[in-house]
Amino acid sequence: GAGPATALAKAFGMTTVGDLLSHYPRRYARRGELTTLAEL
């Protein structure tokens, strides 16, 4: 849709499916995991 696509283009320069799928996760968490807060 136009709204989400425009937001992605503005934030990351993404325009295609390939652009979005090459925005890989920076890390992985678990639903039972509590993320470290001390050194944000």
PDB file of all heavy atoms in Angstrom:
ATOM      1  N   GLY A   1       0.823  -1.196   0.000  1.00  0.00           N
ATOM      2  CA  GLY A   1       0.000   0.000   0.000  1.00  0.00           C
ATOM      3  C   GLY A   1       0.861   1.250   0.000  1.00  0.00           C
ATOM      4  O   GLY A   1       2.051   1.216   0.345  1.00  0.00           O
ATOM      5  N   ALA A   2       0.253   2.371  -0.367  1.00  0.00           N
ATOM      6  CA  ALA A   2       1.010   3.611  -0.542  1.00  0.00           C
ATOM      7  C   ALA A   2       1.634   4.112   0.753  1.00  0.00           C
ATOM      8  O   ALA A   2       2.794   4.521   0.777  1.00  0.00           O
ATOM      9  CB  ALA A   2       0.092   4.686  -1.141  1.00  0.00           C
ATOM     10  N   GLY A   3       0.873   4.083   1.857  1.00  0.00           N
ATOM     11  CA  GLY A   3       1.381   4.629   3.124  1.00  0.00           C
ATOM     12  C   GLY A   3       2.609   3.903   3.642  1.00  0.00           C
ATOM     13  O   GLY A   3       3.677   4.509   3.848  1.00  0.00           O
ATOM     14  N   PRO A   4       2.528   2.581   3.885  1.00  0.00           N
ATOM     15  CA  PRO A   4       3.702   1.842   4.364  1.00  0.00           C
ATOM     16  C   PRO A   4       4.879   1.894   3.399  1.00  0.00           C
ATOM     17  O   PRO A   4       6.033   1.996   3.825  1.00  0.00           O
ATOM     18  CB  PRO A   4       3.174   0.410   4.506  1.00  0.00           C
ATOM     19  CG  PRO A   4       1.705   0.563   4.703  1.00  0.00           C
ATOM     20  CD  PRO A   4       1.310   1.740   3.877  1.00  0.00           C
ATOM     21  N   ALA A   5       4.599   1.830   2.088  1.00  0.00           N
ATOM     22  CA  ALA A   5       5.689   1.874   1.105  1.00  0.00           C
ATOM     23  C   ALA A   5       6.404   3.215   1.154  1.00  0.00           C
ATOM     24  O   ALA A   5       7.637   3.287   1.084  1.00  0.00           O
ATOM     25  CB  ALA A   5       5.149   1.610  -0.302  1.00  0.00           C
ATOM     26  N   THR A   6       5.655   4.293   1.293  1.00  0.00           N
ATOM     27  CA  THR A   6       6.258   5.621   1.378  1.00  0.00           C
ATOM     28  C   THR A   6       7.107   5.748   2.636  1.00  0.00           C
ATOM     29  O   THR A   6       8.197   6.327   2.608  1.00  0.00           O
ATOM     30  CB  THR A   6       5.168   6.707   1.370  1.00  0.00           C
ATOM     31  OG1 THR A   6       4.428   6.613   0.149  1.00  0.00           O
ATOM     32  CG2 THR A   6       5.770   8.096   1.487  1.00  0.00           C
ATOM     33  N   ALA A   7       6.606   5.191   3.753  1.00  0.00           N
ATOM     34  CA  ALA A   7       7.362   5.250   5.013  1.00  0.00           C
ATOM     35  C   ALA A   7       8.686   4.503   4.895  1.00  0.00           C
ATOM     36  O   ALA A   7       9.726   4.973   5.365  1.00  0.00           O
ATOM     37  CB  ALA A   7       6.521   4.670   6.150  1.00  0.00           C
ATOM     38  N   LEU A   8       8.677   3.342   4.262  1.00  0.00           N
ATOM     39  CA  LEU A   8       9.908   2.571   4.084  1.00  0.00           C
ATOM     40  C   LEU A   8      10.877   3.286   3.152  1.00  0.00           C
ATOM     41  O   LEU A   8      12.094   3.282   3.373  1.00  0.00           O
ATOM     42  CB  LEU A   8       9.588   1.179   3.537  1.00  0.00           C
ATOM     43  CG  LEU A   8       8.939   0.201   4.515  1.00  0.00           C
ATOM     44  CD1 LEU A   8       8.519  -1.075   3.791  1.00  0.00           C
ATOM     45  CD2 LEU A   8       9.897  -0.142   5.657  1.00  0.00           C
ATOM     46  N   ALA A   9      10.349   3.898   2.100  1.00  0.00           N
ATOM     47  CA  ALA A   9      11.211   4.632   1.167  1.00  0.00           C
ATOM     48  C   ALA A   9      11.869   5.813   1.866  1.00  0.00           C
ATOM     49  O   ALA A   9      13.054   6.090   1.666  1.00  0.00           O
ATOM     50  CB  ALA A   9      10.393   5.104  -0.035  1.00  0.00           C
ATOM     51  N   LYS A  10      11.101   6.504   2.694  1.00  0.00           N
ATOM     52  CA  LYS A  10      11.632   7.674   3.399  1.00  0.00           C
ATOM     53  C   LYS A  10      12.651   7.278   4.453  1.00  0.00           C
ATOM     54  O   LYS A  10      13.689   7.928   4.618  1.00  0.00           O
ATOM     55  CB  LYS A  10      10.483   8.450   4.034  1.00  0.00           C
ATOM     56  CG  LYS A  10      10.913   9.747   4.707  1.00  0.00           C
ATOM     57  CD  LYS A  10       9.707  10.507   5.236  1.00  0.00           C
ATOM     58  CE  LYS A  10      10.158  11.813   5.906  1.00  0.00           C
ATOM     59  NZ  LYS A  10       8.986  12.572   6.443  1.00  0.00           N
ATOM     60  N   ALA A  11      12.377   6.202   5.172  1.00  0.00           N
ATOM     61  CA  ALA A  11      13.260   5.795   6.274  1.00  0.00           C
ATOM     62  C   ALA A  11      14.512   5.074   5.797  1.00  0.00           C
ATOM     63  O   ALA A  11      15.597   5.276   6.341  1.00  0.00           O
ATOM     64  CB  ALA A  11      12.487   4.902   7.251  1.00  0.00           C
ATOM     65  N   PHE A  12      14.378   4.222   4.767  1.00  0.00           N
ATOM     66  CA  PHE A  12      15.493   3.356   4.377  1.00  0.00           C
ATOM     67  C   PHE A  12      15.811   3.372   2.889  1.00  0.00           C
ATOM     68  O   PHE A  12      16.725   2.676   2.451  1.00  0.00           O
ATOM     69  CB  PHE A  12      15.198   1.908   4.792  1.00  0.00           C
ATOM     70  CG  PHE A  12      14.919   1.732   6.253  1.00  0.00           C
ATOM     71  CD1 PHE A  12      13.634   1.533   6.699  1.00  0.00           C
ATOM     72  CD2 PHE A  12      15.945   1.786   7.187  1.00  0.00           C
ATOM     73  CE1 PHE A  12      13.355   1.370   8.043  1.00  0.00           C
ATOM     74  CE2 PHE A  12      15.684   1.623   8.536  1.00  0.00           C
ATOM     75  CZ  PHE A  12      14.384   1.423   8.973  1.00  0.00           C
ATOM     76  N   GLY A  13      15.067   4.127   2.105  1.00  0.00           N
ATOM     77  CA  GLY A  13      15.312   4.148   0.665  1.00  0.00           C
ATOM     78  C   GLY A  13      14.826   2.898  -0.041  1.00  0.00           C
ATOM     79  O   GLY A  13      15.254   2.598  -1.154  1.00  0.00           O
ATOM     80  N   MET A  14      13.932   2.144   0.588  1.00  0.00           N
ATOM     81  CA  MET A  14      13.430   0.904  -0.011  1.00  0.00           C
ATOM     82  C   MET A  14      12.312   1.195  -1.000  1.00  0.00           C
ATOM     83  O   MET A  14      11.397   1.955  -0.695  1.00  0.00           O
ATOM     84  CB  MET A  14      12.883  -0.028   1.073  1.00  0.00           C
ATOM     85  CG  MET A  14      13.882  -0.449   2.121  1.00  0.00           C
ATOM     86  SD  MET A  14      13.028  -1.459   3.370  1.00  0.00           S
ATOM     87  CE  MET A  14      14.315  -1.642   4.601  1.00  0.00           C
ATOM     88  N   THR A  15      12.367   0.551  -2.162  1.00  0.00           N
ATOM     89  CA  THR A  15      11.289   0.694  -3.141  1.00  0.00           C
ATOM     90  C   THR A  15      10.812  -0.649  -3.680  1.00  0.00           C
ATOM     91  O   THR A  15       9.716  -0.737  -4.216  1.00  0.00           O
ATOM     92  CB  THR A  15      11.745   1.560  -4.334  1.00  0.00           C
ATOM     93  OG1 THR A  15      12.887   0.953  -4.954  1.00  0.00           O
ATOM     94  CG2 THR A  15      12.103   2.968  -3.872  1.00  0.00           C
ATOM     95  N   THR A  16      11.618  -1.691  -3.549  1.00  0.00           N
ATOM     96  CA  THR A  16      11.267  -2.996  -4.117  1.00  0.00           C
ATOM     97  C   THR A  16      11.246  -4.074  -3.045  1.00  0.00           C
ATOM     98  O   THR A  16      11.742  -3.892  -1.925  1.00  0.00           O
ATOM     99  CB  THR A  16      12.265  -3.417  -5.204  1.00  0.00           C
ATOM    100  OG1 THR A  16      13.544  -3.684  -4.584  1.00  0.00           O
ATOM    101  CG2 THR A  16      12.425  -2.340  -6.260  1.00  0.00           C
ATOM    102  N   VAL A  17      10.664  -5.212  -3.406  1.00  0.00           N
ATOM    103  CA  VAL A  17      10.646  -6.376  -2.519  1.00  0.00           C
ATOM    104  C   VAL A  17      12.075  -6.790  -2.158  1.00  0.00           C
ATOM    105  O   VAL A  17      12.378  -7.135  -1.016  1.00  0.00           O
ATOM    106  CB  VAL A  17       9.890  -7.535  -3.194  1.00  0.00           C
ATOM    107  CG1 VAL A  17      10.132  -8.844  -2.454  1.00  0.00           C
ATOM    108  CG2 VAL A  17       8.391  -7.220  -3.253  1.00  0.00           C
ATOM    109  N   GLY A  18      12.981  -6.745  -3.150  1.00  0.00           N
ATOM    110  CA  GLY A  18      14.375  -7.093  -2.879  1.00  0.00           C
ATOM    111  C   GLY A  18      15.003  -6.172  -1.857  1.00  0.00           C
ATOM    112  O   GLY A  18      15.791  -6.612  -0.998  1.00  0.00           O
ATOM    113  N   ASP A  19      14.685  -4.876  -1.923  1.00  0.00           N
ATOM    114  CA  ASP A  19      15.207  -3.928  -0.929  1.00  0.00           C
ATOM    115  C   ASP A  19      14.756  -4.323   0.470  1.00  0.00           C
ATOM    116  O   ASP A  19      15.549  -4.325   1.421  1.00  0.00           O
ATOM    117  CB  ASP A  19      14.710  -2.509  -1.226  1.00  0.00           C
ATOM    118  CG  ASP A  19      15.270  -1.941  -2.512  1.00  0.00           C
ATOM    119  OD1 ASP A  19      16.331  -2.429  -2.957  1.00  0.00           O
ATOM    120  OD2 ASP A  19      14.652  -1.017  -3.067  1.00  0.00           O
ATOM    121  N   LEU A  20      13.482  -4.635   0.623  1.00  0.00           N
ATOM    122  CA  LEU A  20      12.935  -4.970   1.939  1.00  0.00           C
ATOM    123  C   LEU A  20      13.524  -6.276   2.464  1.00  0.00           C
ATOM    124  O   LEU A  20      13.914  -6.368   3.635  1.00  0.00           O
ATOM    125  CB  LEU A  20      11.409  -5.069   1.860  1.00  0.00           C
ATOM    126  CG  LEU A  20      10.687  -5.451   3.163  1.00  0.00           C
ATOM    127  CD1 LEU A  20      10.990  -4.449   4.267  1.00  0.00           C
ATOM    128  CD2 LEU A  20       9.182  -5.549   2.923  1.00  0.00           C
ATOM    129  N   LEU A  21      13.626  -7.285   1.610  1.00  0.00           N
ATOM    130  CA  LEU A  21      14.125  -8.584   2.063  1.00  0.00           C
ATOM    131  C   LEU A  21      15.633  -8.567   2.338  1.00  0.00           C
ATOM    132  O   LEU A  21      16.146  -9.462   3.009  1.00  0.00           O
ATOM    133  CB  LEU A  21      13.786  -9.671   1.041  1.00  0.00           C
ATOM    134  CG  LEU A  21      12.293  -9.992   0.893  1.00  0.00           C
ATOM    135  CD1 LEU A  21      12.090 -11.128  -0.098  1.00  0.00           C
ATOM    136  CD2 LEU A  21      11.681 -10.348   2.244  1.00  0.00           C
ATOM    137  N   SER A  22      16.341  -7.548   1.829  1.00  0.00           N
ATOM    138  CA  SER A  22      17.771  -7.448   2.154  1.00  0.00           C
ATOM    139  C   SER A  22      18.008  -6.563   3.380  1.00  0.00           C
ATOM    140  O   SER A  22      19.142  -6.276   3.727  1.00  0.00           O
ATOM    141  CB  SER A  22      18.567  -6.909   0.961  1.00  0.00           C
ATOM    142  OG  SER A  22      18.131  -5.611   0.604  1.00  0.00           O
ATOM    143  N   HIS A  23      16.929  -6.150   4.029  1.00  0.00           N
ATOM    144  CA  HIS A  23      17.021  -5.469   5.326  1.00  0.00           C
ATOM    145  C   HIS A  23      16.976  -6.572   6.386  1.00  0.00           C
ATOM    146  O   HIS A  23      15.943  -6.868   6.972  1.00  0.00           O
ATOM    147  CB  HIS A  23      15.852  -4.494   5.491  1.00  0.00           C
ATOM    148  CG  HIS A  23      15.965  -3.607   6.697  1.00  0.00           C
ATOM    149  ND1 HIS A  23      16.816  -2.527   6.763  1.00  0.00           N
ATOM    150  CD2 HIS A  23      15.320  -3.639   7.891  1.00  0.00           C
ATOM    151  CE1 HIS A  23      16.691  -1.932   7.928  1.00  0.00           C
ATOM    152  NE2 HIS A  23      15.792  -2.593   8.629  1.00  0.00           N
ATOM    153  N   TYR A  24      18.134  -7.189   6.612  1.00  0.00           N
ATOM    154  CA  TYR A  24      18.185  -8.383   7.455  1.00  0.00           C
ATOM    155  C   TYR A  24      18.068  -8.019   8.937  1.00  0.00           C
ATOM    156  O   TYR A  24      18.430  -6.912   9.355  1.00  0.00           O
ATOM    157  CB  TYR A  24      19.498  -9.129   7.219  1.00  0.00           C
ATOM    158  CG  TYR A  24      19.748  -9.493   5.777  1.00  0.00           C
ATOM    159  CD1 TYR A  24      20.894  -9.057   5.119  1.00  0.00           C
ATOM    160  CD2 TYR A  24      18.831 -10.254   5.065  1.00  0.00           C
ATOM    161  CE1 TYR A  24      21.127  -9.377   3.790  1.00  0.00           C
ATOM    162  CE2 TYR A  24      19.055 -10.581   3.730  1.00  0.00           C
ATOM    163  CZ  TYR A  24      20.205 -10.139   3.102  1.00  0.00           C
ATOM    164  OH  TYR A  24      20.425 -10.455   1.789  1.00  0.00           O
ATOM    165  N   PRO A  25      17.579  -8.958   9.761  1.00  0.00           N
ATOM    166  CA  PRO A  25      17.521  -8.700  11.204  1.00  0.00           C
ATOM    167  C   PRO A  25      18.909  -8.389  11.762  1.00  0.00           C
ATOM    168  O   PRO A  25      19.901  -9.013  11.375  1.00  0.00           O
ATOM    169  CB  PRO A  25      16.982 -10.020  11.769  1.00  0.00           C
ATOM    170  CG  PRO A  25      16.233 -10.645  10.634  1.00  0.00           C
ATOM    171  CD  PRO A  25      16.995 -10.265   9.399  1.00  0.00           C
ATOM    172  N   ARG A  26      18.984  -7.421  12.669  1.00  0.00           N
ATOM    173  CA  ARG A  26      20.269  -7.096  13.283  1.00  0.00           C
ATOM    174  C   ARG A  26      20.596  -8.075  14.402  1.00  0.00           C
ATOM    175  O   ARG A  26      21.754  -8.258  14.758  1.00  0.00           O
ATOM    176  CB  ARG A  26      20.267  -5.660  13.794  1.00  0.00           C
ATOM    177  CG  ARG A  26      19.310  -5.378  14.930  1.00  0.00           C
ATOM    178  CD  ARG A  26      19.141  -3.888  15.179  1.00  0.00           C
ATOM    179  NE  ARG A  26      20.427  -3.230  15.348  1.00  0.00           N
ATOM    180  CZ  ARG A  26      20.570  -1.917  15.500  1.00  0.00           C
ATOM    181  NH1 ARG A  26      19.494  -1.140  15.462  1.00  0.00           N
ATOM    182  NH2 ARG A  26      21.745  -1.384  15.681  1.00  0.00           N
ATOM    183  N   ARG A  27      19.559  -8.681  14.977  1.00  0.00           N
ATOM    184  CA  ARG A  27      19.754  -9.726  15.981  1.00  0.00           C
ATOM    185  C   ARG A  27      18.430 -10.462  16.139  1.00  0.00           C
ATOM    186  O   ARG A  27      17.425 -10.116  15.516  1.00  0.00           O
ATOM    187  CB  ARG A  27      20.212  -9.149  17.322  1.00  0.00           C
ATOM    188  CG  ARG A  27      19.183  -8.280  18.011  1.00  0.00           C
ATOM    189  CD  ARG A  27      19.726  -7.702  19.317  1.00  0.00           C
ATOM    190  NE  ARG A  27      18.716  -6.939  20.026  1.00  0.00           N
ATOM    191  CZ  ARG A  27      17.849  -7.447  20.878  1.00  0.00           C
ATOM    192  NH1 ARG A  27      17.863  -8.758  21.133  1.00  0.00           N
ATOM    193  NH2 ARG A  27      16.959  -6.694  21.489  1.00  0.00           N
ATOM    194  N   TYR A  28      18.443 -11.493  17.005  1.00  0.00           N
ATOM    195  CA  TYR A  28      17.237 -12.272  17.266  1.00  0.00           C
ATOM    196  C   TYR A  28      17.022 -12.354  18.773  1.00  0.00           C
ATOM    197  O   TYR A  28      17.970 -12.534  19.543  1.00  0.00           O
ATOM    198  CB  TYR A  28      17.362 -13.686  16.688  1.00  0.00           C
ATOM    199  CG  TYR A  28      17.505 -13.706  15.180  1.00  0.00           C
ATOM    200  CD1 TYR A  28      18.747 -13.552  14.581  1.00  0.00           C
ATOM    201  CD2 TYR A  28      16.395 -13.860  14.360  1.00  0.00           C
ATOM    202  CE1 TYR A  28      18.887 -13.555  13.205  1.00  0.00           C
ATOM    203  CE2 TYR A  28      16.526 -13.861  12.973  1.00  0.00           C
ATOM    204  CZ  TYR A  28      17.776 -13.707  12.407  1.00  0.00           C
ATOM    205  OH  TYR A  28      17.908 -13.700  11.038  1.00  0.00           O
ATOM    206  N   ALA A  29      15.774 -12.204  19.183  1.00  0.00           N
ATOM    207  CA  ALA A  29      15.420 -12.355  20.594  1.00  0.00           C
ATOM    208  C   ALA A  29      14.470 -13.537  20.723  1.00  0.00           C
ATOM    209  O   ALA A  29      14.078 -14.150  19.726  1.00  0.00           O
ATOM    210  CB  ALA A  29      14.756 -11.078  21.103  1.00  0.00           C
ATOM    211  N   ARG A  30      14.098 -13.849  21.956  1.00  0.00           N
ATOM    212  CA  ARG A  30      13.105 -14.903  22.197  1.00  0.00           C
ATOM    213  C   ARG A  30      11.972 -14.316  23.025  1.00  0.00           C
ATOM    214  O   ARG A  30      12.153 -13.362  23.774  1.00  0.00           O
ATOM    215  CB  ARG A  30      13.734 -16.088  22.927  1.00  0.00           C
ATOM    216  CG  ARG A  30      14.776 -16.790  22.080  1.00  0.00           C
ATOM    217  CD  ARG A  30      15.147 -18.141  22.683  1.00  0.00           C
ATOM    218  NE  ARG A  30      16.140 -18.796  21.854  1.00  0.00           N
ATOM    219  CZ  ARG A  30      15.874 -19.439  20.728  1.00  0.00           C
ATOM    220  NH1 ARG A  30      14.628 -19.510  20.298  1.00  0.00           N
ATOM    221  NH2 ARG A  30      16.822 -20.002  20.019  1.00  0.00           N
ATOM    222  N   ARG A  31      10.821 -14.931  22.896  1.00  0.00           N
ATOM    223  CA  ARG A  31       9.679 -14.404  23.627  1.00  0.00           C
ATOM    224  C   ARG A  31       9.869 -14.533  25.132  1.00  0.00           C
ATOM    225  O   ARG A  31       9.283 -13.782  25.891  1.00  0.00           O
ATOM    226  CB  ARG A  31       8.411 -15.124  23.171  1.00  0.00           C
ATOM    227  CG  ARG A  31       8.014 -14.697  21.760  1.00  0.00           C
ATOM    228  CD  ARG A  31       6.922 -15.558  21.171  1.00  0.00           C
ATOM    229  NE  ARG A  31       6.476 -15.005  19.890  1.00  0.00           N
ATOM    230  CZ  ARG A  31       7.080 -15.221  18.738  1.00  0.00           C
ATOM    231  NH1 ARG A  31       8.146 -15.980  18.696  1.00  0.00           N
ATOM    232  NH2 ARG A  31       6.626 -14.683  17.631  1.00  0.00           N
ATOM    233  N   GLY A  32      10.711 -15.442  25.558  1.00  0.00           N
ATOM    234  CA  GLY A  32      10.972 -15.571  26.988  1.00  0.00           C
ATOM    235  C   GLY A  32      12.212 -14.828  27.429  1.00  0.00           C
ATOM    236  O   GLY A  32      12.577 -14.864  28.593  1.00  0.00           O
ATOM    237  N   GLU A  33      12.858 -14.138  26.499  1.00  0.00           N
ATOM    238  CA  GLU A  33      14.127 -13.463  26.810  1.00  0.00           C
ATOM    239  C   GLU A  33      13.876 -12.025  27.246  1.00  0.00           C
ATOM    240  O   GLU A  33      12.993 -11.351  26.740  1.00  0.00           O
ATOM    241  CB  GLU A  33      15.012 -13.457  25.556  1.00  0.00           C
ATOM    242  CG  GLU A  33      16.290 -12.642  25.700  1.00  0.00           C
ATOM    243  CD  GLU A  33      16.991 -12.477  24.363  1.00  0.00           C
ATOM    244  OE1 GLU A  33      16.634 -13.199  23.419  1.00  0.00           O
ATOM    245  OE2 GLU A  33      17.866 -11.607  24.271  1.00  0.00           O
ATOM    246  N   LEU A  34      14.660 -11.550  28.211  1.00  0.00           N
ATOM    247  CA  LEU A  34      14.603 -10.147  28.608  1.00  0.00           C
ATOM    248  C   LEU A  34      15.860  -9.465  28.104  1.00  0.00           C
ATOM    249  O   LEU A  34      16.966  -9.840  28.460  1.00  0.00           O
ATOM    250  CB  LEU A  34      14.494 -10.033  30.128  1.00  0.00           C
ATOM    251  CG  LEU A  34      13.203 -10.616  30.714  1.00  0.00           C
ATOM    252  CD1 LEU A  34      13.206 -10.487  32.221  1.00  0.00           C
ATOM    253  CD2 LEU A  34      12.000  -9.916  30.130  1.00  0.00           C
ATOM    254  N   THR A  35      15.698  -8.468  27.264  1.00  0.00           N
ATOM    255  CA  THR A  35      16.822  -7.823  26.595  1.00  0.00           C
ATOM    256  C   THR A  35      17.619  -6.947  27.554  1.00  0.00           C
ATOM    257  O   THR A  35      17.053  -6.268  28.406  1.00  0.00           O
ATOM    258  CB  THR A  35      16.299  -6.965  25.430  1.00  0.00           C
ATOM    259  OG1 THR A  35      15.515  -7.800  24.594  1.00  0.00           O
ATOM    260  CG2 THR A  35      17.444  -6.375  24.635  1.00  0.00           C
ATOM    261  N   THR A  36      18.925  -6.940  27.416  1.00  0.00           N
ATOM    262  CA  THR A  36      19.795  -6.138  28.270  1.00  0.00           C
ATOM    263  C   THR A  36      19.482  -4.655  28.123  1.00  0.00           C
ATOM    264  O   THR A  36      19.421  -4.123  27.025  1.00  0.00           O
ATOM    265  CB  THR A  36      21.275  -6.378  27.906  1.00  0.00           C
ATOM    266  OG1 THR A  36      21.541  -7.764  28.071  1.00  0.00           O
ATOM    267  CG2 THR A  36      22.186  -5.564  28.797  1.00  0.00           C
ATOM    268  N   LEU A  37      19.308  -3.977  29.253  1.00  0.00           N
ATOM    269  CA  LEU A  37      18.967  -2.566  29.242  1.00  0.00           C
ATOM    270  C   LEU A  37      20.108  -1.680  29.720  1.00  0.00           C
ATOM    271  O   LEU A  37      20.099  -0.475  29.496  1.00  0.00           O
ATOM    272  CB  LEU A  37      17.746  -2.302  30.150  1.00  0.00           C
ATOM    273  CG  LEU A  37      16.474  -3.097  29.833  1.00  0.00           C
ATOM    274  CD1 LEU A  37      15.396  -2.748  30.839  1.00  0.00           C
ATOM    275  CD2 LEU A  37      15.992  -2.815  28.433  1.00  0.00           C
ATOM    276  N   ALA A  38      21.084  -2.279  30.403  1.00  0.00           N
ATOM    277  CA  ALA A  38      22.090  -1.479  31.108  1.00  0.00           C
ATOM    278  C   ALA A  38      22.952  -0.630  30.190  1.00  0.00           C
ATOM    279  O   ALA A  38      23.426   0.428  30.598  1.00  0.00           O
ATOM    280  CB  ALA A  38      22.980  -2.403  31.949  1.00  0.00           C
ATOM    281  N   GLU A  39      23.174  -1.080  28.950  1.00  0.00           N
ATOM    282  CA  GLU A  39      24.124  -0.366  28.096  1.00  0.00           C
ATOM    283  C   GLU A  39      23.473   0.147  26.811  1.00  0.00           C
ATOM    284  O   GLU A  39      24.086   0.160  25.750  1.00  0.00           O
ATOM    285  CB  GLU A  39      25.300  -1.289  27.749  1.00  0.00           C
ATOM    286  CG  GLU A  39      26.078  -1.722  28.977  1.00  0.00           C
ATOM    287  CD  GLU A  39      27.255  -2.620  28.627  1.00  0.00           C
ATOM    288  OE1 GLU A  39      27.408  -2.948  27.441  1.00  0.00           O
ATOM    289  OE2 GLU A  39      28.002  -3.001  29.551  1.00  0.00           O
ATOM    290  N   LEU A  40      22.244   0.604  26.911  1.00  0.00           N
ATOM    291  CA  LEU A  40      21.581   1.148  25.732  1.00  0.00           C
ATOM    292  C   LEU A  40      22.272   2.435  25.289  1.00  0.00           C
ATOM    293  O   LEU A  40      22.572   3.297  26.117  1.00  0.00           O
ATOM    294  CB  LEU A  40      20.112   1.452  26.043  1.00  0.00           C
ATOM    295  CG  LEU A  40      19.201   0.241  26.282  1.00  0.00           C
ATOM    296  CD1 LEU A  40      17.806   0.710  26.646  1.00  0.00           C
ATOM    297  CD2 LEU A  40      19.151  -0.648  25.053  1.00  0.00           C
TER     298      LEU A  40
END
